[in-house]
Amino acid sequence: MKSGEGKKNLLEAIEKVSTAPQPQAGVRIDYAAMEPFLRDITTHLSKETNIVGHYPLRWLAIKLMEGDSEAEKLIHDRHSDAAGFPAHCGTVTRRIRSRR
């Protein structure tokens, strides 16, 4: 027989999180040797007003380093140096691989 207790607990948890004064801190993974490269890409991305504020720059930098086609399309559509920026990311990725 259902008591509805689980639903009640879930709704209470949702209300608690949604009314919290500060949002919960997200998880930040330390990519060790890749961090300087992520900062490099993030710095380049931070100069683009068509990107800043719309997407988390660190996430976008990671996706670009992964070669994510949707992230690359986003850069193509919104970055002022759409042709040169993916090449820059490719250079960064090759530098990472050469360090292994």
Protein backbone atom coordinates (compact mmCIF):
# COMPACT_ATOMS: atom_id res chain seq x y z
CA MET A 1 0.00 0.00 0.00
CA LYS A 2 1.31 3.43 -0.90
CA SER A 3 1.69 5.94 1.90
CA GLY A 4 2.75 8.93 -0.19
CA GLU A 5 5.63 9.48 2.24
CA GLY A 6 8.30 9.31 -0.46
CA LYS A 7 6.51 11.93 -2.53
CA LYS A 8 6.16 14.16 0.55
CA ASN A 9 9.89 13.84 1.32
CA LEU A 10 10.80 14.60 -2.29
CA LEU A 11 8.62 17.71 -2.38
CA GLU A 12 10.14 18.91 0.91
CA ALA A 13 13.67 18.40 -0.46
CA ILE A 14 12.81 20.28 -3.67
CA GLU A 15 11.37 23.18 -1.69
CA LYS A 16 14.41 23.28 0.59
CA VAL A 17 16.85 23.43 -2.33
CA SER A 18 14.79 25.88 -4.38
CA THR A 19 14.39 28.35 -1.51
CA ALA A 20 17.97 28.14 -0.24
CA PRO A 21 19.62 31.58 -0.05
CA GLN A 22 22.64 30.46 -2.06
CA PRO A 23 22.74 27.81 -4.76
CA GLN A 24 24.47 24.57 -3.96
CA ALA A 25 28.13 24.49 -4.98
CA GLY A 26 28.81 22.46 -8.09
CA VAL A 27 31.49 19.85 -8.43
CA ARG A 28 34.75 21.04 -9.96
CA ILE A 29 37.06 18.34 -11.25
CA ASP A 30 40.78 19.07 -11.20
CA TYR A 31 42.23 17.91 -14.50
CA ALA A 32 45.81 18.27 -13.21
CA ALA A 33 48.14 18.64 -16.21
CA MET A 34 45.27 19.83 -18.42
CA GLU A 35 44.42 22.82 -16.19
CA PRO A 36 46.81 25.30 -17.90
CA PHE A 37 45.30 24.38 -21.26
CA LEU A 38 41.75 24.72 -19.95
CA ARG A 39 42.64 28.18 -18.60
CA ASP A 40 44.10 29.11 -21.99
CA ILE A 41 40.93 28.15 -23.85
CA THR A 42 38.70 29.69 -21.17
CA THR A 43 40.64 32.97 -21.41
CA HIS A 44 40.09 33.04 -25.17
CA LEU A 45 36.39 32.27 -24.71
CA SER A 46 35.97 34.97 -22.05
CA LYS A 47 36.75 37.65 -24.65
CA GLU A 48 33.69 36.71 -26.70
CA THR A 49 30.56 38.64 -25.72
CA ASN A 50 28.42 36.26 -27.78
CA ILE A 51 29.47 33.37 -25.54
CA VAL A 52 30.08 34.82 -22.06
CA GLY A 53 27.03 34.47 -19.86
CA HIS A 54 25.32 31.99 -22.14
CA TYR A 55 27.46 28.94 -21.39
CA PRO A 56 29.80 27.93 -18.56
CA LEU A 57 33.20 28.67 -20.12
CA ARG A 58 35.07 25.88 -18.32
CA TRP A 59 32.50 23.34 -19.49
CA LEU A 60 32.73 24.66 -23.04
CA ALA A 61 36.54 24.51 -22.93
CA ILE A 62 36.40 20.88 -21.78
CA LYS A 63 33.91 20.00 -24.54
CA LEU A 64 36.15 21.66 -27.15
CA MET A 65 39.17 19.72 -25.90
CA GLU A 66 37.11 16.54 -26.22
CA GLY A 67 36.39 17.42 -29.84
CA ASP A 68 32.65 17.67 -29.19
CA SER A 69 30.94 18.51 -32.49
CA GLU A 70 28.11 20.50 -30.86
CA ALA A 71 30.60 22.67 -28.95
CA GLU A 72 32.55 23.22 -32.17
CA LYS A 73 29.31 24.21 -33.94
CA LEU A 74 28.54 26.65 -31.15
CA ILE A 75 31.96 28.27 -31.60
CA HIS A 76 31.47 28.34 -35.36
CA ASP A 77 28.13 30.11 -34.93
CA ARG A 78 29.13 32.57 -32.19
CA HIS A 79 32.91 33.16 -32.07
CA SER A 80 34.35 36.15 -33.93
CA ASP A 81 37.33 34.02 -35.02
CA ALA A 82 35.26 30.98 -35.91
CA ALA A 83 37.86 29.66 -38.34
CA GLY A 84 40.89 30.12 -36.11
CA PHE A 85 39.56 29.15 -32.72
CA PRO A 86 39.00 25.40 -33.34
CA ALA A 87 42.54 25.26 -34.73
CA HIS A 88 43.76 26.83 -31.49
CA CYS A 89 41.92 24.14 -29.49
CA GLY A 90 43.46 21.46 -31.69
CA THR A 91 46.92 22.89 -31.00
CA VAL A 92 46.22 22.81 -27.26
CA THR A 93 44.99 19.21 -27.48
CA ARG A 94 48.12 18.15 -29.39
CA ARG A 95 50.32 19.82 -26.76
CA ILE A 96 48.53 17.84 -24.04
CA ARG A 97 48.99 14.56 -25.90
CA SER A 98 52.69 15.25 -26.44
CA ARG A 99 53.16 15.54 -22.65
CA ARG A 100 51.95 12.00 -22.00
